[in-house]
N, C-alpha and C. Protein backbone atom coordinates (compact mmCIF):
# COMPACT_ATOMS: atom_id res chain seq x y z
N MET A 1 6.21 36.92 45.50
CA MET A 1 6.49 36.77 47.30
C MET A 1 7.42 36.06 47.34
N GLU A 2 7.35 34.30 46.42
CA GLU A 2 8.13 33.55 46.47
C GLU A 2 9.72 35.15 46.39
N ASN A 3 9.81 35.79 45.32
CA ASN A 3 10.99 35.72 44.70
C ASN A 3 11.65 36.88 46.38
N ALA A 4 10.79 37.90 47.13
CA ALA A 4 11.38 38.04 47.98
C ALA A 4 11.86 37.60 49.41
N VAL A 5 11.59 36.17 48.92
CA VAL A 5 12.02 35.16 50.29
C VAL A 5 13.56 34.68 49.73
N LEU A 6 13.51 34.74 48.34
CA LEU A 6 14.84 34.55 47.54
C LEU A 6 15.75 35.08 47.92
N HIS A 7 15.65 36.69 48.01
CA HIS A 7 16.05 37.34 48.02
C HIS A 7 16.96 37.64 48.94
N ILE A 8 15.74 37.57 49.76
CA ILE A 8 16.63 37.12 51.52
C ILE A 8 17.27 36.32 52.48
N LEU A 9 16.99 35.48 51.58
CA LEU A 9 18.04 33.84 51.84
C LEU A 9 18.78 34.56 51.20
N THR A 10 19.04 34.82 50.26
CA THR A 10 20.37 35.01 49.30
C THR A 10 21.36 35.97 49.73
N GLY A 11 20.89 37.50 50.46
CA GLY A 11 21.06 38.37 51.40
C GLY A 11 21.02 38.99 51.25
N LYS A 12 20.35 39.24 49.53
CA LYS A 12 20.19 40.38 48.91
C LYS A 12 19.86 41.86 49.20
N ALA A 13 18.45 41.36 49.79
CA ALA A 13 17.40 42.35 50.34
C ALA A 13 17.23 42.83 51.79
N VAL A 14 18.57 41.80 52.52
CA VAL A 14 18.58 42.04 53.99
C VAL A 14 19.70 43.10 53.28
N GLN A 15 20.64 43.48 52.57
CA GLN A 15 21.81 44.39 52.67
C GLN A 15 20.71 45.45 52.21
N HIS A 16 19.63 46.58 51.25
CA HIS A 16 19.39 46.69 50.61
C HIS A 16 18.40 47.42 51.90
N ALA A 17 18.03 46.29 52.62
CA ALA A 17 16.68 46.85 53.94
C ALA A 17 18.15 47.68 54.63
N PHE A 18 19.34 47.17 55.39
CA PHE A 18 19.91 47.65 56.22
C PHE A 18 20.49 49.07 55.57
N CYS A 19 20.68 49.63 54.23
CA CYS A 19 21.56 50.33 54.05
C CYS A 19 20.45 51.10 54.14
N GLY A 20 19.06 51.12 53.20
CA GLY A 20 18.42 52.22 53.87
C GLY A 20 17.42 52.71 55.17
N HIS A 21 18.40 51.60 56.19
CA HIS A 21 17.87 52.20 57.18
C HIS A 21 19.38 52.97 58.14
N LEU A 22 20.24 52.52 56.94
CA LEU A 22 21.22 53.39 58.05
C LEU A 22 21.04 54.57 57.39
N LEU A 23 20.66 55.12 55.90
CA LEU A 23 20.73 56.85 55.69
C LEU A 23 18.44 57.04 55.54
N LEU A 24 18.09 56.52 56.67
CA LEU A 24 17.21 56.98 57.67
C LEU A 24 18.28 57.44 58.58
N ASP A 25 18.71 56.84 59.68
CA ASP A 25 19.10 56.88 60.37
C ASP A 25 20.12 58.21 61.07
N GLN A 26 20.59 58.44 59.38
CA GLN A 26 22.29 59.39 59.24
C GLN A 26 20.96 61.33 58.94
N CYS A 27 19.93 60.95 58.01
CA CYS A 27 18.62 62.13 58.44
C CYS A 27 18.84 62.08 59.11
N LEU A 28 17.67 61.20 60.52
CA LEU A 28 16.78 61.91 61.20
C LEU A 28 17.69 62.71 62.41
N THR A 29 18.95 61.68 62.74
CA THR A 29 20.13 62.10 63.14
C THR A 29 20.54 63.29 63.07
N ASP A 30 20.77 63.90 61.42
CA ASP A 30 21.24 65.38 60.88
C ASP A 30 20.20 65.83 60.97
N GLN A 31 18.79 65.97 61.45
CA GLN A 31 17.86 66.76 61.27
C GLN A 31 17.68 66.80 62.78
N ILE A 32 18.09 66.12 64.02
CA ILE A 32 17.68 65.93 65.34
C ILE A 32 19.26 67.36 65.60
N VAL A 33 20.45 66.62 65.13
CA VAL A 33 21.77 67.85 65.58
C VAL A 33 21.28 69.51 65.15
N SER A 34 20.56 69.65 64.04
CA SER A 34 20.57 70.52 63.67
C SER A 34 19.66 71.55 64.18
N LYS A 35 18.79 71.05 64.49
CA LYS A 35 17.58 71.82 65.55
C LYS A 35 18.73 72.43 66.83
N ILE A 36 19.23 71.65 67.32
CA ILE A 36 19.08 71.02 69.02
C ILE A 36 20.71 72.66 68.38
N ILE A 37 21.55 72.43 67.49
CA ILE A 37 21.86 73.08 67.67
C ILE A 37 22.38 74.58 67.29
N LYS A 38 20.78 74.48 66.18
CA LYS A 38 20.11 76.09 65.76
C LYS A 38 19.34 76.69 67.16
N THR A 39 19.30 75.99 68.26
CA THR A 39 18.51 76.34 69.23
C THR A 39 19.85 76.50 70.91
N ASN A 40 20.56 76.79 70.57
CA ASN A 40 22.21 76.47 71.10
C ASN A 40 23.21 76.87 71.19
N GLN A 41 23.14 78.33 71.55
CA GLN A 41 24.47 79.15 71.52
C GLN A 41 25.54 78.57 71.47
N ASP A 42 25.35 78.07 72.88
CA ASP A 42 26.38 77.70 73.70
C ASP A 42 27.56 75.92 72.97
N LEU A 43 26.64 75.68 72.49
CA LEU A 43 26.53 74.48 71.94
C LEU A 43 27.30 74.70 70.12
N ARG A 44 26.81 75.80 69.67
CA ARG A 44 26.84 75.84 68.26
C ARG A 44 28.56 76.58 69.07
N ASP A 45 28.88 77.32 69.37
CA ASP A 45 30.62 77.72 69.76
C ASP A 45 31.32 76.93 69.76
N LEU A 46 30.56 75.70 70.59
CA LEU A 46 32.05 74.28 70.83
C LEU A 46 31.92 74.03 70.43
N LEU A 47 31.46 73.74 69.39
CA LEU A 47 31.68 72.41 68.03
C LEU A 47 32.66 73.67 66.89
N ARG A 48 32.36 74.68 66.23
CA ARG A 48 32.75 75.85 65.84
C ARG A 48 34.48 75.54 66.56
N ASN A 49 34.38 75.14 67.56
CA ASN A 49 35.80 75.81 68.32
C ASN A 49 36.62 74.05 68.35
N LEU A 50 36.02 73.10 68.51
CA LEU A 50 36.68 71.78 67.59
C LEU A 50 36.69 71.94 66.77
N GLU A 51 35.50 72.27 65.96
CA GLU A 51 35.89 72.09 64.24
C GLU A 51 37.31 72.95 64.11
N GLN A 52 37.48 73.79 64.88
CA GLN A 52 38.81 74.94 63.89
C GLN A 52 39.88 74.05 65.00
N LEU A 53 39.68 73.40 66.12
CA LEU A 53 41.22 72.60 66.49
C LEU A 53 41.06 71.33 65.76
N PHE A 54 40.55 70.58 65.14
CA PHE A 54 40.68 69.68 63.98
C PHE A 54 41.26 70.01 62.93
N CYS A 55 41.11 70.91 62.40
CA CYS A 55 41.51 71.65 61.68
C CYS A 55 42.76 71.90 61.37
N GLN A 56 43.35 72.17 62.52
CA GLN A 56 44.19 72.46 62.89
C GLN A 56 45.30 71.46 62.72
N VAL A 57 45.11 70.38 63.47
CA VAL A 57 45.73 68.90 64.13
C VAL A 57 45.89 68.27 62.77
N GLU A 58 44.63 68.65 61.71
CA GLU A 58 44.94 68.31 60.61
C GLU A 58 45.87 68.55 59.11
N ASN A 59 46.03 69.37 59.25
CA ASN A 59 46.92 70.62 58.86
C ASN A 59 48.03 70.90 59.38
N GLY A 60 48.49 70.26 60.42
CA GLY A 60 50.05 70.40 60.99
C GLY A 60 50.24 71.68 61.91
N GLU A 61 49.00 72.03 61.92
CA GLU A 61 49.86 73.33 62.92
C GLU A 61 50.30 73.46 64.07
N ILE A 62 49.20 72.49 64.64
CA ILE A 62 49.12 71.57 66.16
C ILE A 62 49.21 70.44 66.63
N TYR A 63 49.14 70.08 67.54
CA TYR A 63 49.57 68.25 68.18
C TYR A 63 47.86 67.82 68.46
N VAL A 64 48.34 66.52 68.53
CA VAL A 64 46.80 66.66 68.86
C VAL A 64 46.91 66.63 70.84
N ASP A 65 47.67 66.49 71.37
CA ASP A 65 48.13 66.72 73.23
C ASP A 65 47.68 68.06 73.30
N ILE A 66 47.40 69.12 72.16
CA ILE A 66 47.13 71.00 73.08
C ILE A 66 45.11 70.45 72.87
N VAL A 67 45.11 69.31 71.90
CA VAL A 67 43.47 69.41 71.57
C VAL A 67 43.46 68.23 72.62
N LEU A 68 44.11 68.15 73.39
CA LEU A 68 42.96 67.36 74.23
C LEU A 68 43.54 68.07 75.68
N GLU A 69 44.06 68.84 75.45
CA GLU A 69 44.65 69.99 76.84
C GLU A 69 44.04 71.14 76.82
N SER A 70 42.78 71.41 75.77
CA SER A 70 42.17 72.19 75.23
C SER A 70 40.86 72.83 76.39
N ASP A 71 40.71 73.66 76.71
CA ASP A 71 38.81 73.95 77.15
C ASP A 71 37.66 73.54 76.73
N SER A 72 37.86 73.07 75.28
CA SER A 72 36.96 73.28 74.25
C SER A 72 36.97 71.63 74.63
N MET A 73 37.76 70.71 74.80
CA MET A 73 37.61 69.16 74.78
C MET A 73 37.37 68.89 75.93
N GLY A 74 37.88 69.83 77.11
CA GLY A 74 37.45 69.54 78.28
C GLY A 74 35.75 69.51 78.81
N LYS A 75 35.10 70.39 78.09
CA LYS A 75 33.96 70.54 78.42
C LYS A 75 32.89 69.39 77.60
N THR A 76 33.43 69.37 76.42
CA THR A 76 33.27 67.40 75.47
C THR A 76 33.06 66.73 77.18
N VAL A 77 33.90 66.50 77.42
CA VAL A 77 34.15 65.10 78.36
C VAL A 77 33.54 65.58 79.19
N HIS A 78 33.11 66.33 80.28
CA HIS A 78 32.61 66.93 81.22
C HIS A 78 30.93 66.83 81.37
N THR A 79 30.40 66.84 80.51
CA THR A 79 28.93 66.99 79.43
C THR A 79 28.52 66.06 80.15
C-alpha cells in the first residue's frame, strides 16, 4: 500500500491509470461505432463518401473548399 501511495504522489500511477482509461474508452467507442455503422446503411454510405473525400484532399486531387461544399459534409453539419 505504501508503494502505491508513493507511485500516486510521483505521478507514475496516475499516468498509467490515465493511459489505461484512454485505451478502454477507445475500445468501447470503437465497438459502439462499429455496431451503429453495421445497422445503419445511410451512415455507412456517408462515412464512405467522407473517407473518399478525405483521401482526395490528402492526395491533392481536390481542395478542402470542395469538401466543405459537398453534400456529404452538408449532411454531417445538419445532422
